[in-house]
Amino acid sequence: MPPELTRLFNLPLPVNQADQESLTLLPGIGPKLAERIIAFRQRRGPISGPEDFIRVKGIGPKLTQRLSPLLCFAVAEEKP
């Protein structure tokens, strides 16, 4: 499901597929932090869970704990 539709169906946001606009819909995530999340994914690969998410500069334990129920860390399958 496209990241932008997850909120409509009250589903967790797929953090590894979400664009900047979708990430900013999360409480506590602004445009700059969304950029850092995307840059982190591009440098290090998919975010595998909260232990990776917390490594993004500007994201601490409290924010990670608050956002974890709102996020899905699954990696998208590549289409042939």
N, C-alpha and C. Protein backbone atom coordinates (compact mmCIF):
# COMPACT_ATOMS: atom_id res chain seq x y z
N MET A 1 0.85 -1.17 0.00
CA MET A 1 0.00 0.00 0.00
C MET A 1 0.90 1.24 0.00
N PRO A 2 0.58 2.23 -0.80
CA PRO A 2 1.37 3.46 -0.82
C PRO A 2 1.39 4.13 0.56
N PRO A 3 2.55 4.67 0.97
CA PRO A 3 2.65 5.29 2.29
C PRO A 3 1.60 6.36 2.56
N GLU A 4 1.23 7.11 1.54
CA GLU A 4 0.28 8.20 1.75
C GLU A 4 -1.13 7.70 2.09
N LEU A 5 -1.43 6.45 1.80
CA LEU A 5 -2.76 5.90 2.10
C LEU A 5 -2.84 5.23 3.47
N THR A 6 -1.72 5.00 4.11
CA THR A 6 -1.73 4.28 5.39
C THR A 6 -2.54 5.01 6.45
N ARG A 7 -2.48 6.32 6.47
CA ARG A 7 -3.24 7.08 7.48
C ARG A 7 -4.75 6.94 7.28
N LEU A 8 -5.16 6.82 6.04
CA LEU A 8 -6.59 6.66 5.76
C LEU A 8 -7.14 5.37 6.35
N PHE A 9 -6.30 4.34 6.38
CA PHE A 9 -6.73 3.04 6.87
C PHE A 9 -6.21 2.75 8.28
N ASN A 10 -5.65 3.77 8.93
CA ASN A 10 -5.12 3.65 10.29
C ASN A 10 -4.09 2.52 10.39
N LEU A 11 -3.19 2.49 9.40
CA LEU A 11 -2.11 1.50 9.37
C LEU A 11 -0.78 2.17 9.68
N PRO A 12 0.20 1.42 10.16
CA PRO A 12 1.52 2.01 10.40
C PRO A 12 2.15 2.49 9.09
N LEU A 13 2.91 3.56 9.17
CA LEU A 13 3.59 4.13 8.02
C LEU A 13 4.84 3.31 7.70
N PRO A 14 4.99 2.85 6.45
CA PRO A 14 6.19 2.09 6.09
C PRO A 14 7.39 3.05 5.95
N VAL A 15 8.17 3.13 6.99
CA VAL A 15 9.25 4.12 7.08
C VAL A 15 10.28 3.96 5.95
N ASN A 16 10.45 2.77 5.43
CA ASN A 16 11.44 2.55 4.37
C ASN A 16 10.95 2.92 2.98
N GLN A 17 9.66 3.17 2.83
CA GLN A 17 9.13 3.59 1.54
C GLN A 17 8.57 5.01 1.57
N ALA A 18 8.43 5.58 2.74
CA ALA A 18 7.79 6.88 2.88
C ALA A 18 8.65 8.01 2.32
N ASP A 19 7.99 8.94 1.66
CA ASP A 19 8.69 10.13 1.18
C ASP A 19 8.67 11.20 2.27
N GLN A 20 9.31 12.32 1.98
CA GLN A 20 9.43 13.39 2.98
C GLN A 20 8.06 13.87 3.45
N GLU A 21 7.15 14.06 2.53
CA GLU A 21 5.82 14.56 2.88
C GLU A 21 5.10 13.60 3.82
N SER A 22 5.18 12.32 3.53
CA SER A 22 4.52 11.31 4.36
C SER A 22 5.14 11.27 5.76
N LEU A 23 6.46 11.36 5.82
CA LEU A 23 7.15 11.32 7.12
C LEU A 23 6.77 12.51 7.99
N THR A 24 6.54 13.66 7.37
CA THR A 24 6.19 14.85 8.17
C THR A 24 4.79 14.76 8.76
N LEU A 25 4.01 13.79 8.34
CA LEU A 25 2.69 13.59 8.95
C LEU A 25 2.79 12.96 10.33
N LEU A 26 3.96 12.41 10.66
CA LEU A 26 4.18 11.81 11.98
C LEU A 26 4.38 12.90 13.02
N PRO A 27 3.81 12.75 14.20
CA PRO A 27 3.99 13.76 15.24
C PRO A 27 5.46 13.86 15.66
N GLY A 28 5.98 15.08 15.63
CA GLY A 28 7.36 15.30 16.04
C GLY A 28 8.37 15.23 14.91
N ILE A 29 7.90 14.93 13.69
CA ILE A 29 8.80 14.85 12.54
C ILE A 29 8.49 16.02 11.61
N GLY A 30 9.46 16.91 11.49
CA GLY A 30 9.33 18.04 10.57
C GLY A 30 10.09 17.76 9.29
N PRO A 31 10.13 18.74 8.39
CA PRO A 31 10.80 18.54 7.10
C PRO A 31 12.29 18.18 7.23
N LYS A 32 13.00 18.82 8.12
CA LYS A 32 14.45 18.55 8.29
C LYS A 32 14.69 17.13 8.80
N LEU A 33 13.93 16.71 9.79
CA LEU A 33 14.09 15.37 10.34
C LEU A 33 13.67 14.32 9.31
N ALA A 34 12.65 14.62 8.53
CA ALA A 34 12.24 13.71 7.46
C ALA A 34 13.38 13.55 6.44
N GLU A 35 14.06 14.65 6.11
CA GLU A 35 15.21 14.60 5.21
C GLU A 35 16.31 13.71 5.77
N ARG A 36 16.55 13.83 7.08
CA ARG A 36 17.59 13.01 7.73
C ARG A 36 17.24 11.53 7.69
N ILE A 37 15.96 11.20 7.87
CA ILE A 37 15.53 9.80 7.81
C ILE A 37 15.78 9.25 6.41
N ILE A 38 15.43 10.01 5.39
CA ILE A 38 15.63 9.58 4.01
C ILE A 38 17.12 9.45 3.70
N ALA A 39 17.92 10.41 4.15
CA ALA A 39 19.37 10.35 3.92
C ALA A 39 19.98 9.14 4.63
N PHE A 40 19.50 8.85 5.84
CA PHE A 40 19.97 7.68 6.58
C PHE A 40 19.68 6.40 5.79
N ARG A 41 18.48 6.28 5.26
CA ARG A 41 18.11 5.11 4.46
C ARG A 41 18.99 4.98 3.22
N GLN A 42 19.27 6.10 2.59
CA GLN A 42 20.08 6.08 1.37
C GLN A 42 21.53 5.68 1.66
N ARG A 43 22.05 6.13 2.80
CA ARG A 43 23.43 5.81 3.17
C ARG A 43 23.59 4.39 3.70
N ARG A 44 22.68 3.97 4.57
CA ARG A 44 22.85 2.72 5.30
C ARG A 44 21.91 1.60 4.89
N GLY A 45 20.96 1.89 4.05
CA GLY A 45 19.99 0.87 3.65
C GLY A 45 18.75 0.97 4.52
N PRO A 46 17.87 0.00 4.39
CA PRO A 46 16.58 0.04 5.09
C PRO A 46 16.74 0.12 6.61
N ILE A 47 15.80 0.78 7.23
CA ILE A 47 15.73 0.86 8.69
C ILE A 47 15.02 -0.40 9.16
N SER A 48 15.73 -1.23 9.92
CA SER A 48 15.20 -2.55 10.25
C SER A 48 14.32 -2.58 11.50
N GLY A 49 14.35 -1.52 12.29
CA GLY A 49 13.54 -1.49 13.50
C GLY A 49 13.85 -0.27 14.34
N PRO A 50 13.26 -0.18 15.51
CA PRO A 50 13.49 0.98 16.38
C PRO A 50 14.97 1.20 16.71
N GLU A 51 15.75 0.10 16.80
CA GLU A 51 17.17 0.25 17.12
C GLU A 51 17.94 0.95 16.00
N ASP A 52 17.48 0.87 14.77
CA ASP A 52 18.08 1.63 13.66
C ASP A 52 17.49 3.04 13.61
N PHE A 53 16.19 3.13 13.83
CA PHE A 53 15.50 4.42 13.75
C PHE A 53 16.12 5.43 14.72
N ILE A 54 16.49 4.97 15.89
CA ILE A 54 17.06 5.85 16.91
C ILE A 54 18.44 6.38 16.51
N ARG A 55 19.07 5.76 15.53
CA ARG A 55 20.39 6.18 15.07
C ARG A 55 20.34 7.41 14.17
N VAL A 56 19.16 7.77 13.70
CA VAL A 56 19.00 8.97 12.88
C VAL A 56 19.23 10.18 13.78
N LYS A 57 20.11 11.07 13.33
CA LYS A 57 20.42 12.27 14.12
C LYS A 57 19.14 13.07 14.38
N GLY A 58 18.91 13.37 15.65
CA GLY A 58 17.73 14.14 16.04
C GLY A 58 16.58 13.28 16.55
N ILE A 59 16.73 11.97 16.45
CA ILE A 59 15.69 11.06 16.95
C ILE A 59 16.24 10.37 18.19
N GLY A 60 15.61 10.62 19.30
CA GLY A 60 16.05 10.04 20.56
C GLY A 60 15.15 8.91 21.03
N PRO A 61 15.43 8.39 22.22
CA PRO A 61 14.65 7.27 22.74
C PRO A 61 13.16 7.59 22.93
N LYS A 62 12.86 8.78 23.41
CA LYS A 62 11.45 9.12 23.66
C LYS A 62 10.65 9.22 22.36
N LEU A 63 11.24 9.87 21.36
CA LEU A 63 10.55 9.99 20.08
C LEU A 63 10.40 8.62 19.42
N THR A 64 11.43 7.81 19.51
CA THR A 64 11.37 6.46 18.96
C THR A 64 10.27 5.65 19.63
N GLN A 65 10.19 5.73 20.93
CA GLN A 65 9.17 4.99 21.67
C GLN A 65 7.77 5.47 21.29
N ARG A 66 7.62 6.78 21.14
CA ARG A 66 6.31 7.35 20.81
C ARG A 66 5.89 6.99 19.37
N LEU A 67 6.86 6.93 18.45
CA LEU A 67 6.52 6.70 17.05
C LEU A 67 6.49 5.22 16.64
N SER A 68 7.15 4.37 17.39
CA SER A 68 7.24 2.94 17.01
C SER A 68 5.89 2.31 16.67
N PRO A 69 4.82 2.57 17.44
CA PRO A 69 3.53 1.96 17.07
C PRO A 69 2.95 2.51 15.75
N LEU A 70 3.47 3.65 15.32
CA LEU A 70 2.96 4.29 14.10
C LEU A 70 3.76 3.92 12.86
N LEU A 71 4.84 3.14 13.06
CA LEU A 71 5.75 2.82 11.97
C LEU A 71 5.77 1.33 11.64
N CYS A 72 6.02 1.06 10.38
CA CYS A 72 6.26 -0.31 9.91
C CYS A 72 7.67 -0.31 9.33
N PHE A 73 8.48 -1.27 9.75
CA PHE A 73 9.88 -1.30 9.32
C PHE A 73 10.13 -2.34 8.23
N ALA A 74 9.09 -2.88 7.65
CA ALA A 74 9.25 -3.89 6.59
C ALA A 74 9.94 -3.27 5.39
N VAL A 75 10.72 -4.08 4.72
CA VAL A 75 11.43 -3.64 3.53
C VAL A 75 10.59 -4.00 2.32
N ALA A 76 10.46 -3.06 1.41
CA ALA A 76 9.66 -3.30 0.20
C ALA A 76 10.35 -4.32 -0.69
N GLU A 77 9.56 -5.18 -1.27
CA GLU A 77 10.09 -6.15 -2.22
C GLU A 77 10.27 -5.45 -3.56
N GLU A 78 11.40 -5.73 -4.22
CA GLU A 78 11.64 -5.14 -5.52
C GLU A 78 10.82 -5.87 -6.56
N LYS A 79 10.26 -5.11 -7.49
CA LYS A 79 9.46 -5.70 -8.55
C LYS A 79 10.37 -6.09 -9.70
N PRO A 80 10.13 -7.23 -10.31
CA PRO A 80 10.97 -7.67 -11.44
C PRO A 80 10.78 -6.82 -12.67
